[in-house]
Amino acid sequence: MLEPAEWAAAGIPLLRNPREVVSGLHARHHPGPATAVVAVLDPDERLRASASFVRRPAPADGWMFRNALLAQLRRVIPHDLRRRTPVRTAVLLYCRDGDARWTEEDGAWMWGLRDACTLHGLRCGAYITLTRDGWQVLGEGRGGRRPNAGSAPEPFDGTVMPPALPRTGGAASEVLRRVAAR
């Protein structure tokens, strides 16, 4: 288990736009209480992969959390163990009941995230809690009221549907277009 001071001293890279990351993961996964969302970001903080799962009802155990996170990472993205230095960053959003203050469970998740990142060849990124009060990046003091554990997902850039292709009139118009082009 990690204490908040240890986490802050570990040199975890700051997110440039944590609100965008939190909103995107919230809209994509719709997390409820006891749901963990692990996401892998590229160097430009674009989402490369993510997975969500519900925590099993058991005492908070960093080893168990590490194994669950590692299993999800292995499922959604190949490891980066061949690289000299990690390029991609893993972040963890954990939706839970209670207030935004640090808990021992948070410390176990932090330890699990740090260890899973090491074993998967990723940089360890932010640990974010999502409660009814809002979200908070632990160790940084940054947070917001929306989204929160009870809010409906809001659309973000990644959920906007691409523009529809123009209608061409079907196969007959395609044949006529080719004939006219000759």
C-alpha atoms as a PDB file:
ATOM      1  CA  MET A   1       0.000   0.000   0.000  1.00  0.00           C
ATOM      2  CA  LEU A   2       1.254   3.474  -0.852  1.00  0.00           C
ATOM      3  CA  GLU A   3       0.702   6.568   1.258  1.00  0.00           C
ATOM      4  CA  PRO A   4      -0.233   9.822  -0.514  1.00  0.00           C
ATOM      5  CA  ALA A   5       3.200  11.312   0.250  1.00  0.00           C
ATOM      6  CA  GLU A   6       4.959   8.312  -1.328  1.00  0.00           C
ATOM      7  CA  TRP A   7       2.731   8.597  -4.400  1.00  0.00           C
ATOM      8  CA  ALA A   8       3.429  12.334  -4.752  1.00  0.00           C
ATOM      9  CA  ALA A   9       7.185  11.737  -4.368  1.00  0.00           C
ATOM     10  CA  ALA A  10       7.219   8.944  -6.977  1.00  0.00           C
ATOM     11  CA  GLY A  11       7.382  11.387  -9.891  1.00  0.00           C
ATOM     12  CA  ILE A  12       4.078  10.354 -11.454  1.00  0.00           C
ATOM     13  CA  PRO A  13       3.647  12.426 -14.637  1.00  0.00           C
ATOM     14  CA  LEU A  14       0.933  15.059 -14.476  1.00  0.00           C
ATOM     15  CA  LEU A  15      -1.963  14.864 -16.894  1.00  0.00           C
ATOM     16  CA  ARG A  16      -2.150  17.893 -19.171  1.00  0.00           C
ATOM     17  CA  ASN A  17      -5.943  17.836 -19.215  1.00  0.00           C
ATOM     18  CA  PRO A  18      -7.297  15.560 -16.483  1.00  0.00           C
ATOM     19  CA  ARG A  19     -10.901  16.730 -17.007  1.00  0.00           C
ATOM     20  CA  GLU A  20     -10.804  15.486 -20.611  1.00  0.00           C
ATOM     21  CA  VAL A  21      -9.353  12.117 -19.563  1.00  0.00           C
ATOM     22  CA  VAL A  22     -11.920  11.662 -16.782  1.00  0.00           C
ATOM     23  CA  SER A  23     -14.851  12.761 -18.962  1.00  0.00           C
ATOM     24  CA  GLY A  24     -13.754  10.482 -21.790  1.00  0.00           C
ATOM     25  CA  LEU A  25     -13.380   7.420 -19.572  1.00  0.00           C
ATOM     26  CA  HIS A  26     -16.666   8.178 -17.798  1.00  0.00           C
ATOM     27  CA  ALA A  27     -18.526   8.469 -21.106  1.00  0.00           C
ATOM     28  CA  ARG A  28     -16.918   5.334 -22.520  1.00  0.00           C
ATOM     29  CA  HIS A  29     -17.292   3.009 -19.501  1.00  0.00           C
ATOM     30  CA  HIS A  30     -20.196   4.426 -17.406  1.00  0.00           C
ATOM     31  CA  PRO A  31     -18.506   3.361 -14.133  1.00  0.00           C
ATOM     32  CA  GLY A  32     -20.576   2.609 -11.066  1.00  0.00           C
ATOM     33  CA  PRO A  33     -19.382   2.159  -7.480  1.00  0.00           C
ATOM     34  CA  ALA A  34     -16.513  -0.342  -7.089  1.00  0.00           C
ATOM     35  CA  THR A  35     -15.649  -0.097 -10.804  1.00  0.00           C
ATOM     36  CA  ALA A  36     -12.049   0.350 -11.908  1.00  0.00           C
ATOM     37  CA  VAL A  37     -11.191   1.728 -15.348  1.00  0.00           C
ATOM     38  CA  VAL A  38      -7.607   1.273 -16.499  1.00  0.00           C
ATOM     39  CA  ALA A  39      -6.584   3.254 -19.567  1.00  0.00           C
ATOM     40  CA  VAL A  40      -3.429   3.447 -21.665  1.00  0.00           C
ATOM     41  CA  LEU A  41      -2.520   6.833 -23.112  1.00  0.00           C
ATOM     42  CA  ASP A  42       0.023   7.584 -25.828  1.00  0.00           C
ATOM     43  CA  PRO A  43       2.614  10.385 -25.391  1.00  0.00           C
ATOM     44  CA  ASP A  44       0.037  12.919 -26.646  1.00  0.00           C
ATOM     45  CA  GLU A  45      -2.482  11.697 -24.025  1.00  0.00           C
ATOM     46  CA  ARG A  46      -4.749  10.131 -26.608  1.00  0.00           C
ATOM     47  CA  LEU A  47      -6.536   7.025 -25.431  1.00  0.00           C
ATOM     48  CA  ARG A  48      -5.023   3.873 -26.958  1.00  0.00           C
ATOM     49  CA  ALA A  49      -6.863   1.228 -24.939  1.00  0.00           C
ATOM     50  CA  SER A  50      -9.061   0.928 -21.878  1.00  0.00           C
ATOM     51  CA  ALA A  51     -10.881  -1.688 -19.873  1.00  0.00           C
ATOM     52  CA  SER A  52     -13.221  -1.616 -16.915  1.00  0.00           C
ATOM     53  CA  PHE A  53     -14.042  -4.211 -14.308  1.00  0.00           C
ATOM     54  CA  VAL A  54     -15.864  -4.419 -11.005  1.00  0.00           C
ATOM     55  CA  ARG A  55     -13.834  -4.964  -7.857  1.00  0.00           C
ATOM     56  CA  ARG A  56     -14.519  -8.223  -6.052  1.00  0.00           C
ATOM     57  CA  PRO A  57     -15.889  -7.867  -2.518  1.00  0.00           C
ATOM     58  CA  ALA A  58     -12.761  -8.707  -0.521  1.00  0.00           C
ATOM     59  CA  PRO A  59     -10.350  -6.823   1.730  1.00  0.00           C
ATOM     60  CA  ALA A  60      -8.217  -4.235  -0.095  1.00  0.00           C
ATOM     61  CA  ASP A  61      -5.090  -6.047  -1.265  1.00  0.00           C
ATOM     62  CA  GLY A  62      -2.501  -4.438  -3.534  1.00  0.00           C
ATOM     63  CA  TRP A  63      -1.378  -7.803  -4.922  1.00  0.00           C
ATOM     64  CA  MET A  64      -4.920  -8.701  -5.917  1.00  0.00           C
ATOM     65  CA  PHE A  65      -5.446  -5.274  -7.498  1.00  0.00           C
ATOM     66  CA  ARG A  66      -2.118  -5.562  -9.331  1.00  0.00           C
ATOM     67  CA  ASN A  67      -3.092  -8.935 -10.769  1.00  0.00           C
ATOM     68  CA  ALA A  68      -6.521  -7.672 -11.858  1.00  0.00           C
ATOM     69  CA  LEU A  69      -5.002  -4.588 -13.528  1.00  0.00           C
ATOM     70  CA  LEU A  70      -2.301  -6.631 -15.228  1.00  0.00           C
ATOM     71  CA  ALA A  71      -4.884  -9.083 -16.583  1.00  0.00           C
ATOM     72  CA  GLN A  72      -6.910  -6.200 -18.043  1.00  0.00           C
ATOM     73  CA  LEU A  73      -3.820  -4.559 -19.560  1.00  0.00           C
ATOM     74  CA  ARG A  74      -2.746  -7.843 -21.161  1.00  0.00           C
ATOM     75  CA  ARG A  75      -6.232  -8.215 -22.608  1.00  0.00           C
ATOM     76  CA  VAL A  76      -6.395  -4.809 -24.292  1.00  0.00           C
ATOM     77  CA  ILE A  77      -2.849  -3.848 -25.327  1.00  0.00           C
ATOM     78  CA  PRO A  78       0.510  -5.583 -25.960  1.00  0.00           C
ATOM     79  CA  HIS A  79       3.299  -4.977 -23.453  1.00  0.00           C
ATOM     80  CA  ASP A  80       6.134  -2.492 -24.010  1.00  0.00           C
ATOM     81  CA  LEU A  81       8.817  -4.517 -22.247  1.00  0.00           C
ATOM     82  CA  ARG A  82      11.204  -4.385 -25.221  1.00  0.00           C
ATOM     83  CA  ARG A  83      11.466  -0.592 -25.087  1.00  0.00           C
ATOM     84  CA  ARG A  84      14.325   0.996 -23.162  1.00  0.00           C
ATOM     85  CA  THR A  85      12.002   3.516 -21.585  1.00  0.00           C
ATOM     86  CA  PRO A  86       8.213   3.417 -21.383  1.00  0.00           C
ATOM     87  CA  VAL A  87       6.374   5.490 -23.974  1.00  0.00           C
ATOM     88  CA  ARG A  88       2.755   4.843 -23.069  1.00  0.00           C
ATOM     89  CA  THR A  89       1.206   5.713 -19.726  1.00  0.00           C
ATOM     90  CA  ALA A  90      -1.432   3.818 -17.762  1.00  0.00           C
ATOM     91  CA  VAL A  91      -3.931   5.712 -15.623  1.00  0.00           C
ATOM     92  CA  LEU A  92      -6.527   4.314 -13.258  1.00  0.00           C
ATOM     93  CA  LEU A  93      -9.967   5.760 -12.588  1.00  0.00           C
ATOM     94  CA  TYR A  94     -11.642   4.134  -9.593  1.00  0.00           C
ATOM     95  CA  CYS A  95     -15.314   4.844  -8.880  1.00  0.00           C
ATOM     96  CA  ARG A  96     -16.212   4.341  -5.237  1.00  0.00           C
ATOM     97  CA  ASP A  97     -18.624   5.320  -2.499  1.00  0.00           C
ATOM     98  CA  GLY A  98     -17.591   7.771   0.184  1.00  0.00           C
ATOM     99  CA  ASP A  99     -15.868  11.116  -0.013  1.00  0.00           C
ATOM    100  CA  ALA A 100     -12.830  12.137  -2.020  1.00  0.00           C
ATOM    101  CA  ARG A 101     -10.308  11.740   0.809  1.00  0.00           C
ATOM    102  CA  TRP A 102      -7.562   9.130   0.516  1.00  0.00           C
ATOM    103  CA  THR A 103      -8.355   5.673   1.922  1.00  0.00           C
ATOM    104  CA  GLU A 104      -6.276   2.550   2.496  1.00  0.00           C
ATOM    105  CA  GLU A 105      -8.084   1.026  -0.473  1.00  0.00           C
ATOM    106  CA  ASP A 106      -6.726   3.884  -2.612  1.00  0.00           C
ATOM    107  CA  GLY A 107      -3.231   3.093  -1.352  1.00  0.00           C
ATOM    108  CA  ALA A 108      -3.645  -0.538  -2.395  1.00  0.00           C
ATOM    109  CA  TRP A 109      -4.867   0.513  -5.870  1.00  0.00           C
ATOM    110  CA  MET A 110      -1.917   2.904  -6.217  1.00  0.00           C
ATOM    111  CA  TRP A 111       0.549   0.160  -5.366  1.00  0.00           C
ATOM    112  CA  GLY A 112      -1.205  -2.237  -7.739  1.00  0.00           C
ATOM    113  CA  LEU A 113      -1.149   0.298 -10.580  1.00  0.00           C
ATOM    114  CA  ARG A 114       2.534   1.095 -10.102  1.00  0.00           C
ATOM    115  CA  ASP A 115       3.519  -2.572 -10.040  1.00  0.00           C
ATOM    116  CA  ALA A 116       1.276  -3.561 -12.980  1.00  0.00           C
ATOM    117  CA  CYS A 117       2.800  -0.754 -15.057  1.00  0.00           C
ATOM    118  CA  THR A 118       6.310  -1.978 -14.286  1.00  0.00           C
ATOM    119  CA  LEU A 119       5.400  -5.535 -15.270  1.00  0.00           C
ATOM    120  CA  HIS A 120       3.715  -4.398 -18.514  1.00  0.00           C
ATOM    121  CA  GLY A 121       6.389  -1.902 -19.586  1.00  0.00           C
ATOM    122  CA  LEU A 122       4.259   1.219 -19.101  1.00  0.00           C
ATOM    123  CA  ARG A 123       4.802   4.486 -17.277  1.00  0.00           C
ATOM    124  CA  CYS A 124       2.704   4.721 -14.153  1.00  0.00           C
ATOM    125  CA  GLY A 125       0.239   7.561 -14.525  1.00  0.00           C
ATOM    126  CA  ALA A 126      -2.427   9.226 -12.460  1.00  0.00           C
ATOM    127  CA  TYR A 127      -4.714   7.557  -9.955  1.00  0.00           C
ATOM    128  CA  ILE A 128      -8.128   9.214 -10.100  1.00  0.00           C
ATOM    129  CA  THR A 129     -11.037   8.655  -7.734  1.00  0.00           C
ATOM    130  CA  LEU A 130     -14.614   9.221  -8.831  1.00  0.00           C
ATOM    131  CA  THR A 131     -17.153   9.713  -6.029  1.00  0.00           C
ATOM    132  CA  ARG A 132     -20.551  11.378  -5.622  1.00  0.00           C
ATOM    133  CA  ASP A 133     -18.654  14.607  -4.842  1.00  0.00           C
ATOM    134  CA  GLY A 134     -16.810  14.528  -8.183  1.00  0.00           C
ATOM    135  CA  TRP A 135     -13.378  13.382  -9.309  1.00  0.00           C
ATOM    136  CA  GLN A 136      -9.918  13.949  -7.895  1.00  0.00           C
ATOM    137  CA  VAL A 137      -6.414  13.150  -9.099  1.00  0.00           C
ATOM    138  CA  LEU A 138      -4.790  11.897  -5.906  1.00  0.00           C
ATOM    139  CA  GLY A 139      -1.358  13.294  -5.178  1.00  0.00           C
ATOM    140  CA  GLU A 140      -1.987  16.376  -7.325  1.00  0.00           C
ATOM    141  CA  GLY A 141      -4.966  18.017  -5.680  1.00  0.00           C
ATOM    142  CA  ARG A 142      -6.695  18.593  -9.015  1.00  0.00           C
ATOM    143  CA  GLY A 143     -10.330  17.644  -9.379  1.00  0.00           C
ATOM    144  CA  GLY A 144     -13.810  18.684 -10.414  1.00  0.00           C
ATOM    145  CA  ARG A 145     -17.491  18.196  -9.675  1.00  0.00           C
ATOM    146  CA  ARG A 146     -18.479  16.680 -13.032  1.00  0.00           C
ATOM    147  CA  PRO A 147     -18.490  13.967 -13.966  1.00  0.00           C
ATOM    148  CA  ASN A 148     -19.219  12.257 -10.674  1.00  0.00           C
ATOM    149  CA  ALA A 149     -20.290   8.778  -9.618  1.00  0.00           C
ATOM    150  CA  GLY A 150     -23.974   9.607 -10.043  1.00  0.00           C
ATOM    151  CA  SER A 151     -23.876  11.696 -13.220  1.00  0.00           C
ATOM    152  CA  ALA A 152     -24.975  10.583 -16.641  1.00  0.00           C
ATOM    153  CA  PRO A 153     -22.150  10.283 -19.174  1.00  0.00           C
ATOM    154  CA  GLU A 154     -21.592  13.382 -21.280  1.00  0.00           C
ATOM    155  CA  PRO A 155     -20.528  13.130 -24.910  1.00  0.00           C
ATOM    156  CA  PHE A 156     -16.880  13.846 -25.652  1.00  0.00           C
ATOM    157  CA  ASP A 157     -14.855  14.062 -28.859  1.00  0.00           C
ATOM    158  CA  GLY A 158     -14.288  10.301 -28.973  1.00  0.00           C
ATOM    159  CA  THR A 159     -18.009   9.480 -28.868  1.00  0.00           C
ATOM    160  CA  VAL A 160     -19.118  11.791 -31.644  1.00  0.00           C
ATOM    161  CA  MET A 161     -20.175   9.793 -34.652  1.00  0.00           C
ATOM    162  CA  PRO A 162     -18.194  10.422 -37.836  1.00  0.00           C
ATOM    163  CA  PRO A 163     -20.078  12.328 -40.521  1.00  0.00           C
ATOM    164  CA  ALA A 164     -22.205  10.126 -42.722  1.00  0.00           C
ATOM    165  CA  LEU A 165     -20.951   9.388 -46.213  1.00  0.00           C
ATOM    166  CA  PRO A 166     -22.860  11.207 -48.928  1.00  0.00           C
ATOM    167  CA  ARG A 167     -25.580   9.164 -50.556  1.00  0.00           C
ATOM    168  CA  THR A 168     -24.738   8.386 -54.156  1.00  0.00           C
ATOM    169  CA  GLY A 169     -28.054   7.000 -55.302  1.00  0.00           C
ATOM    170  CA  GLY A 170     -27.124   3.315 -55.302  1.00  0.00           C
ATOM    171  CA  ALA A 171     -25.541   0.951 -57.827  1.00  0.00           C
ATOM    172  CA  ALA A 172     -27.412   2.304 -60.854  1.00  0.00           C
ATOM    173  CA  SER A 173     -26.061   5.830 -60.389  1.00  0.00           C
ATOM    174  CA  GLU A 174     -22.539   4.412 -59.975  1.00  0.00           C
ATOM    175  CA  VAL A 175     -22.832   2.616 -63.330  1.00  0.00           C
ATOM    176  CA  LEU A 176     -24.158   5.778 -65.006  1.00  0.00           C
ATOM    177  CA  ARG A 177     -21.350   7.831 -63.461  1.00  0.00           C
ATOM    178  CA  ARG A 178     -18.734   5.438 -64.886  1.00  0.00           C
ATOM    179  CA  VAL A 179     -20.380   5.488 -68.327  1.00  0.00           C
ATOM    180  CA  ALA A 180     -20.428   9.292 -68.312  1.00  0.00           C
ATOM    181  CA  ALA A 181     -16.766   9.385 -67.338  1.00  0.00           C
ATOM    182  CA  ARG A 182     -15.705   7.403 -70.430  1.00  0.00           C
END
